[in-house]
Amino acid sequence: MHQGDRGKTLNGPVVRAAAAVAALLLLSACTNAVEPPPPPPGPLAELSGILATGGIGVTALLPTAGPTLFDADRGPAATPPGYPGGDVRLDAVRVGKHVVLTVRPPNPRDTEPSEILEYTGPSSPPRSLGRAWSAGPDAGGEGVWLIRQDAPDNCRLEHVSLAGGEPAPGQPASCRTRVRTETAHGLLITINADAAESTDALIEPATGRTVRQAPRILGAAGDWLLLDGLTDLTLVDLRDNSSKKVSRPSIGAAPTVVPSREGAIWAVDFANAAYRGTNTQTRDIWLLRPSGPTWDHAPGMPFVTEHLSRGGGLDWSDAGDLVLADRVLAAWHPGEPQWRLSQAALPGGTWSGFTVLP
């Protein structure tokens, strides 16, 4: 064998060895790379929990065409008399230990104010509070704020006590203002409601002075406001007007916010009507404690639902349970490992939202 041939013969193993070393180095580099985080768990098929054989002890007023007094453990208990029937839509809001219902026409384009009714019991007719464009609870839980119409383009903000008596004179307001809820720091309203250019504001109801304004205020309770943002949320402490950013624990559209009765814990539902671009509806409920701020994930979340826009909703009981309507009524006390499911199936229909009594 010539010396040149011997060199050519030795070069093959050397090249292959070098290639193997390079491959090992490349594999080592890939192995040391940061692993991508696992995808979030998919939603459960339905709300999970334990069937409460002893009952969950919740009675609710459902805004069905009726409406329906509903015992979570035994089913419909009564249909209070004297309410409008037929093709109408009811909205229920808790005002302290009272319930106020707004009777809306079936056509959302109807240009007439709605009738406002106070629930007075399972066997008595409601008390009429007159007509208004919107109604929201006052801070004391003993009255409501209304947007009254006096003329085609003339409305006023008025306070009506549920204890009776003459309402206060009120002050001028836009007919397109929607009242939402009052705290010790002011009345939360939406300006130009149902319009693309709508904005939210906390105002002094007696003077109309703006305390805080933002494109979207998700909720108000106690000393706090929760503002929506593109990628995060903002908590505003109204005691000193300071702000802090809060990361969203779940993606999706603007969440629904339901503060507890004393305002210390807020249920935040990151519902999704088109999960991952499909027609699947999901709920993903978290608890926000503004004083932290801290997030806690409710058990069994997220889950698939068919009740985002009908036969569903959230409210808090006087005992501090978060109550969810989804096929049945379910109760969960923060800190418990799972939901307590009632035995009675909720009535069907297009109703949405409910109020826990008292």
Protein backbone atom coordinates (compact mmCIF):
# COMPACT_ATOMS: atom_id res chain seq x y z
CA MET A 1 0.00 0.00 0.00
CA HIS A 2 1.36 3.40 -0.89
CA GLN A 3 1.83 6.02 1.84
CA GLY A 4 -0.75 8.24 0.17
CA ASP A 5 -3.29 5.41 0.19
CA ARG A 6 -2.57 4.76 3.87
CA GLY A 7 -3.41 8.41 4.67
CA LYS A 8 -6.67 8.16 2.79
CA THR A 9 -7.57 4.99 4.71
CA LEU A 10 -6.91 6.60 8.13
CA ASN A 11 -8.86 9.76 7.27
CA GLY A 12 -12.25 7.92 7.13
CA PRO A 13 -12.38 6.84 10.80
CA VAL A 14 -11.02 10.21 11.94
CA VAL A 15 -13.74 12.08 10.07
CA ARG A 16 -16.44 9.76 11.37
CA ALA A 17 -15.16 10.16 14.96
CA ALA A 18 -15.14 13.93 14.65
CA ALA A 19 -18.69 13.87 13.32
CA ALA A 20 -19.81 11.70 16.23
CA VAL A 21 -18.26 14.11 18.73
CA ALA A 22 -20.00 17.04 17.04
CA ALA A 23 -23.30 15.20 17.15
CA LEU A 24 -22.86 14.49 20.86
CA LEU A 25 -22.06 18.14 21.54
CA LEU A 26 -25.16 19.20 19.59
CA LEU A 27 -27.31 16.69 21.47
CA SER A 28 -25.89 17.91 24.76
CA ALA A 29 -26.71 21.49 23.85
CA CYS A 30 -30.28 20.51 22.98
CA THR A 31 -30.62 18.55 26.21
CA ASN A 32 -29.50 21.55 28.27
CA ALA A 33 -32.00 23.87 26.57
CA VAL A 34 -34.94 25.16 28.63
CA GLU A 35 -37.94 22.88 28.22
CA PRO A 36 -41.08 24.67 27.05
CA PRO A 37 -43.81 24.79 29.70
CA PRO A 38 -46.50 22.13 29.38
CA PRO A 39 -49.78 23.28 27.87
CA PRO A 40 -52.50 24.17 30.38
CA PRO A 41 -54.85 21.32 31.21
CA GLY A 42 -57.91 21.04 29.05
CA PRO A 43 -61.31 21.79 30.57
CA LEU A 44 -63.23 19.11 32.40
CA ALA A 45 -66.35 17.78 30.67
CA GLU A 46 -68.59 19.37 33.32
CA LEU A 47 -68.45 20.87 36.79
CA SER A 48 -67.11 18.29 39.23
CA GLY A 49 -67.87 18.02 42.92
CA ILE A 50 -69.53 15.93 45.60
CA LEU A 51 -73.27 15.37 45.71
CA ALA A 52 -74.36 16.96 48.96
CA THR A 53 -76.70 14.36 50.43
CA GLY A 54 -77.54 16.71 53.30
CA GLY A 55 -78.25 19.55 50.89
CA ILE A 56 -76.42 22.81 50.29
CA GLY A 57 -79.02 24.97 52.04
CA VAL A 58 -79.43 27.57 49.29
CA THR A 59 -82.64 29.23 48.15
CA ALA A 60 -82.46 31.42 45.07
CA LEU A 61 -84.74 33.63 43.04
CA LEU A 62 -84.40 32.66 39.38
CA PRO A 63 -85.38 35.29 36.78
CA THR A 64 -87.48 32.89 34.73
CA ALA A 65 -90.69 34.15 33.16
CA GLY A 66 -92.44 34.07 36.48
CA PRO A 67 -90.00 34.29 38.37
CA THR A 68 -89.19 31.06 40.30
CA LEU A 69 -88.35 30.66 43.96
CA PHE A 70 -85.95 27.72 43.83
CA ASP A 71 -84.81 25.43 46.63
CA ALA A 72 -81.45 23.99 45.57
CA ASP A 73 -82.18 20.65 47.23
CA ARG A 74 -85.88 20.20 46.43
CA GLY A 75 -86.48 22.20 43.26
CA PRO A 76 -89.05 24.91 42.45
CA ALA A 77 -90.79 26.05 45.63
CA ALA A 78 -93.11 28.83 44.43
CA THR A 79 -93.99 31.17 41.58
CA PRO A 80 -94.61 34.58 43.14
CA PRO A 81 -97.83 36.18 41.83
CA GLY A 82 -98.28 39.47 40.04
CA TYR A 83 -95.22 39.47 37.78
CA PRO A 84 -95.42 40.14 34.03
CA GLY A 85 -95.68 36.98 31.98
CA GLY A 86 -95.25 36.21 28.34
CA ASP A 87 -92.19 36.95 26.27
CA VAL A 88 -90.26 39.20 28.65
CA ARG A 89 -86.76 39.01 30.09
CA LEU A 90 -86.00 39.53 33.77
CA ASP A 91 -82.74 40.68 35.31
CA ALA A 92 -82.29 40.17 39.06
CA VAL A 93 -79.94 42.12 41.31
CA ARG A 94 -79.42 41.70 45.04
CA VAL A 95 -79.69 44.91 47.08
CA GLY A 96 -78.49 43.99 50.55
CA LYS A 97 -81.04 41.36 51.62
CA HIS A 98 -83.56 42.57 49.03
CA VAL A 99 -84.00 41.64 45.37
CA VAL A 100 -84.87 44.06 42.59
CA LEU A 101 -85.90 42.85 39.14
CA THR A 102 -85.80 44.70 35.84
CA VAL A 103 -88.47 43.65 33.33
CA ARG A 104 -86.93 44.01 29.89
CA PRO A 105 -88.77 43.68 26.57
CA PRO A 106 -87.87 40.67 24.43
CA ASN A 107 -86.53 42.92 21.67
CA PRO A 108 -83.27 44.58 22.81
CA ARG A 109 -83.92 47.41 20.34
CA ASP A 110 -87.04 48.47 22.22
CA THR A 111 -86.78 52.17 23.05
CA GLU A 112 -88.93 52.23 26.19
CA PRO A 113 -87.59 52.25 29.79
CA SER A 114 -87.99 49.01 31.73
CA GLU A 115 -90.28 48.37 34.67
CA ILE A 116 -88.42 48.04 37.99
CA LEU A 117 -89.93 45.70 40.61
CA GLU A 118 -89.02 44.85 44.19
CA TYR A 119 -89.48 41.21 45.23
CA THR A 120 -91.64 41.11 48.35
CA GLY A 121 -91.97 37.37 49.03
CA PRO A 122 -93.06 34.04 47.56
CA SER A 123 -96.80 34.66 47.92
CA SER A 124 -97.15 38.42 47.47
CA PRO A 125 -97.05 40.61 44.33
CA PRO A 126 -94.01 42.78 43.70
CA ARG A 127 -93.74 46.44 44.58
CA SER A 128 -93.36 48.65 41.54
CA LEU A 129 -90.56 51.21 41.61
CA GLY A 130 -91.70 52.72 38.32
CA ARG A 131 -89.86 52.72 35.03
CA ALA A 132 -86.18 53.39 34.46
CA TRP A 133 -83.41 52.75 31.96
CA SER A 134 -81.26 50.99 34.56
CA ALA A 135 -81.11 50.16 38.26
CA GLY A 136 -78.22 49.50 40.63
CA PRO A 137 -77.88 48.84 44.38
CA ASP A 138 -76.85 51.57 46.80
CA ALA A 139 -73.97 51.19 49.24
CA GLY A 140 -76.20 50.53 52.25
CA GLY A 141 -78.24 47.75 50.64
CA GLU A 142 -81.49 49.60 51.39
CA GLY A 143 -82.23 51.35 48.11
CA VAL A 144 -81.50 51.59 44.39
CA TRP A 145 -80.15 54.18 42.01
CA LEU A 146 -82.25 54.65 38.88
CA ILE A 147 -81.93 56.48 35.58
CA ARG A 148 -85.39 57.98 35.15
CA GLN A 149 -86.70 59.46 31.92
CA ASP A 150 -88.67 62.72 32.21
CA ALA A 151 -88.74 63.62 28.49
CA PRO A 152 -87.45 62.09 25.23
CA ASP A 153 -83.95 63.52 25.79
CA ASN A 154 -84.16 64.37 29.47
CA CYS A 155 -83.20 61.89 32.21
CA ARG A 156 -82.10 62.11 35.82
CA LEU A 157 -80.26 60.04 38.38
CA GLU A 158 -82.59 59.25 41.29
CA HIS A 159 -82.27 57.32 44.55
CA VAL A 160 -85.27 55.27 45.74
CA SER A 161 -85.38 53.77 49.23
CA LEU A 162 -86.84 50.27 49.52
CA ALA A 163 -88.21 51.28 52.91
CA GLY A 164 -90.66 53.60 51.17
CA GLY A 165 -91.05 57.35 51.30
CA GLU A 166 -90.53 60.00 48.67
CA PRO A 167 -87.42 59.67 46.47
CA ALA A 168 -84.81 62.39 46.43
CA PRO A 169 -85.15 64.92 43.58
CA GLY A 170 -82.08 63.59 41.80
CA GLN A 171 -79.88 65.35 39.29
CA PRO A 172 -79.72 65.52 35.46
CA ALA A 173 -78.08 62.56 33.73
CA SER A 174 -77.74 61.16 30.24
CA CYS A 175 -80.41 58.65 29.27
CA ARG A 176 -77.58 56.44 27.99
CA THR A 177 -76.00 56.16 31.43
CA ARG A 178 -76.14 52.75 33.11
CA VAL A 179 -75.92 52.61 36.91
CA ARG A 180 -74.12 49.54 38.24
CA THR A 181 -73.30 49.60 41.96
CA GLU A 182 -72.42 52.01 44.73
CA THR A 183 -69.58 51.79 47.24
CA ALA A 184 -68.55 54.09 50.08
CA HIS A 185 -66.31 55.87 47.55
CA GLY A 186 -68.93 56.56 44.87
CA LEU A 187 -71.38 55.21 42.31
CA LEU A 188 -70.07 53.07 39.45
CA ILE A 189 -71.69 53.93 36.12
CA THR A 190 -71.17 53.26 32.42
CA ILE A 191 -71.32 56.33 30.19
CA ASN A 192 -72.78 55.86 26.68
CA ALA A 193 -73.79 52.31 27.58
CA ASP A 194 -74.10 49.83 24.68
CA ALA A 195 -72.10 52.14 22.40
CA ALA A 196 -68.63 51.57 20.97
CA GLU A 197 -67.34 54.70 22.71
CA SER A 198 -68.64 53.74 26.16
CA THR A 199 -66.50 54.35 29.22
CA ASP A 200 -66.81 53.62 32.93
CA ALA A 201 -66.61 56.04 35.83
CA LEU A 202 -66.91 56.19 39.59
CA ILE A 203 -68.80 59.37 40.51
CA GLU A 204 -70.11 61.20 43.53
CA PRO A 205 -73.85 60.73 43.00
CA ALA A 206 -74.79 63.91 44.86
CA THR A 207 -72.60 66.17 42.72
CA GLY A 208 -71.73 64.15 39.62
CA ARG A 209 -68.01 64.72 40.26
CA THR A 210 -65.82 62.02 38.69
CA VAL A 211 -63.70 60.15 41.23
CA ARG A 212 -62.08 57.77 38.71
CA GLN A 213 -62.63 57.08 35.02
CA ALA A 214 -61.34 54.26 32.80
CA PRO A 215 -62.32 52.58 29.53
CA ARG A 216 -63.48 49.49 31.45
CA ILE A 217 -63.97 49.11 35.19
CA LEU A 218 -64.73 45.45 35.85
CA GLY A 219 -65.90 45.80 39.42
CA ALA A 220 -66.07 47.96 42.53
CA ALA A 221 -66.39 46.90 46.16
CA GLY A 222 -65.05 48.12 49.47
CA ASP A 223 -62.00 50.30 48.89
CA TRP A 224 -61.12 48.80 45.51
CA LEU A 225 -61.70 49.12 41.79
CA LEU A 226 -60.62 46.48 39.27
CA LEU A 227 -59.72 47.85 35.83
CA ASP A 228 -59.38 45.82 32.64
CA GLY A 229 -56.28 46.04 30.44
CA LEU A 230 -54.98 44.47 27.26
CA THR A 231 -52.63 42.01 28.97
CA ASP A 232 -53.17 42.54 32.70
CA LEU A 233 -55.54 43.98 35.27
CA THR A 234 -55.15 47.01 37.54
CA LEU A 235 -56.28 47.31 41.14
CA VAL A 236 -57.02 50.83 42.37
CA ASP A 237 -56.97 51.51 46.11
CA LEU A 238 -59.49 54.32 46.54
CA ARG A 239 -58.16 55.21 49.99
CA ASP A 240 -55.06 56.82 48.45
CA ASN A 241 -55.80 56.46 44.71
CA SER A 242 -52.76 54.19 44.25
CA SER A 243 -52.65 51.51 41.55
CA LYS A 244 -50.97 48.15 41.14
CA LYS A 245 -50.80 45.79 38.18
CA VAL A 246 -52.20 42.29 38.59
CA SER A 247 -51.34 39.53 36.13
CA ARG A 248 -54.24 37.67 34.55
CA PRO A 249 -54.29 34.05 35.74
CA SER A 250 -56.31 33.03 32.67
CA ILE A 251 -56.59 34.30 29.12
CA GLY A 252 -59.80 35.33 27.47
CA ALA A 253 -62.18 38.24 27.11
CA ALA A 254 -63.07 40.65 29.90
CA PRO A 255 -64.03 38.54 32.93
CA THR A 256 -67.20 38.76 34.99
CA VAL A 257 -66.51 40.03 38.51
CA VAL A 258 -68.80 39.24 41.48
CA PRO A 259 -67.55 40.53 44.86
CA SER A 260 -68.61 38.73 48.03
CA ARG A 261 -71.20 40.39 50.21
CA GLU A 262 -68.63 42.04 52.47
CA GLY A 263 -66.37 42.81 49.48
CA ALA A 264 -63.21 41.07 50.75
CA ILE A 265 -63.15 38.31 48.09
CA TRP A 266 -64.01 38.71 44.42
CA ALA A 267 -65.09 35.84 42.20
CA VAL A 268 -63.62 36.45 38.74
CA ASP A 269 -64.97 34.27 35.94
CA PHE A 270 -62.72 34.11 32.87
CA ALA A 271 -65.47 32.56 30.78
CA ASN A 272 -64.73 31.71 27.16
CA ALA A 273 -67.55 31.35 24.64
CA ALA A 274 -65.19 29.95 21.97
CA TYR A 275 -62.54 27.81 23.65
CA ARG A 276 -59.48 27.54 21.33
CA GLY A 277 -61.54 28.84 18.43
CA THR A 278 -64.27 26.21 18.73
CA ASN A 279 -67.92 26.51 19.72
CA THR A 280 -67.13 25.01 23.14
CA GLN A 281 -68.02 27.24 26.10
CA THR A 282 -65.90 27.12 29.24
CA ARG A 283 -65.84 28.69 32.69
CA ASP A 284 -62.63 29.35 34.63
CA ILE A 285 -63.34 30.86 38.05
CA TRP A 286 -60.64 32.40 40.22
CA LEU A 287 -60.83 34.20 43.56
CA LEU A 288 -59.09 37.55 43.91
CA ARG A 289 -58.31 39.01 47.31
CA PRO A 290 -57.57 42.68 46.56
CA SER A 291 -55.83 43.25 49.90
CA GLY A 292 -53.00 40.90 48.82
CA PRO A 293 -53.46 40.87 45.99
CA THR A 294 -53.61 37.09 45.66
CA TRP A 295 -55.32 34.63 43.31
CA ASP A 296 -56.84 31.27 44.23
CA HIS A 297 -58.16 28.83 41.63
CA ALA A 298 -61.61 27.44 42.33
CA PRO A 299 -61.67 23.61 42.22
CA GLY A 300 -62.72 21.82 39.06
CA MET A 301 -61.69 24.65 36.74
CA PRO A 302 -61.87 25.14 33.85
CA PHE A 303 -64.90 23.12 32.77
CA VAL A 304 -67.17 22.88 29.76
CA THR A 305 -70.59 24.50 30.08
CA GLU A 306 -73.66 25.34 28.02
CA HIS A 307 -74.85 28.01 30.44
CA LEU A 308 -72.80 31.14 29.84
CA SER A 309 -75.77 33.04 28.44
CA ARG A 310 -78.71 31.02 29.77
CA GLY A 311 -79.54 29.27 33.01
CA GLY A 312 -76.24 30.20 34.64
CA GLY A 313 -74.59 32.78 36.83
CA LEU A 314 -72.74 33.45 40.09
CA ASP A 315 -73.72 34.89 43.46
CA TRP A 316 -72.58 34.78 47.07
CA SER A 317 -74.57 33.50 50.03
CA ASP A 318 -74.84 35.20 53.39
CA ALA A 319 -72.72 32.35 54.81
CA GLY A 320 -69.82 33.24 52.50
CA ASP A 321 -70.35 30.46 49.93
CA LEU A 322 -69.82 31.12 46.25
CA VAL A 323 -72.90 29.74 44.49
CA LEU A 324 -72.76 28.73 40.83
CA ALA A 325 -75.69 27.86 38.56
CA ASP A 326 -74.79 25.23 35.98
CA ARG A 327 -77.37 22.46 35.46
CA VAL A 328 -77.73 22.48 39.26
CA LEU A 329 -76.81 24.94 41.98
CA ALA A 330 -73.35 24.31 43.41
CA ALA A 331 -71.84 25.88 46.54
CA TRP A 332 -68.19 26.25 47.46
CA HIS A 333 -66.70 27.87 50.53
CA PRO A 334 -63.20 29.22 49.83
CA GLY A 335 -60.70 26.74 51.19
CA GLU A 336 -62.86 23.66 50.64
CA PRO A 337 -61.41 21.03 48.27
CA GLN A 338 -64.46 20.71 46.01
CA TRP A 339 -67.89 22.01 45.09
CA ARG A 340 -71.01 20.76 46.87
CA LEU A 341 -73.59 19.90 44.22
CA SER A 342 -77.33 20.13 44.86
CA GLN A 343 -79.70 17.41 43.73
CA ALA A 344 -82.44 19.45 42.03
CA ALA A 345 -82.03 20.23 38.33
CA LEU A 346 -82.43 23.87 37.36
CA PRO A 347 -85.35 24.75 35.07
CA GLY A 348 -84.55 25.23 31.40
CA GLY A 349 -85.17 28.34 29.36
CA THR A 350 -83.37 31.48 28.31
CA TRP A 351 -83.08 33.01 31.79
CA SER A 352 -79.64 33.96 33.08
CA GLY A 353 -78.35 35.17 36.42
CA PHE A 354 -79.95 34.61 39.82
CA THR A 355 -79.98 35.95 43.36
CA VAL A 356 -79.35 33.97 46.55
CA LEU A 357 -81.91 34.71 49.29
CA PRO A 358 -81.85 36.38 51.71
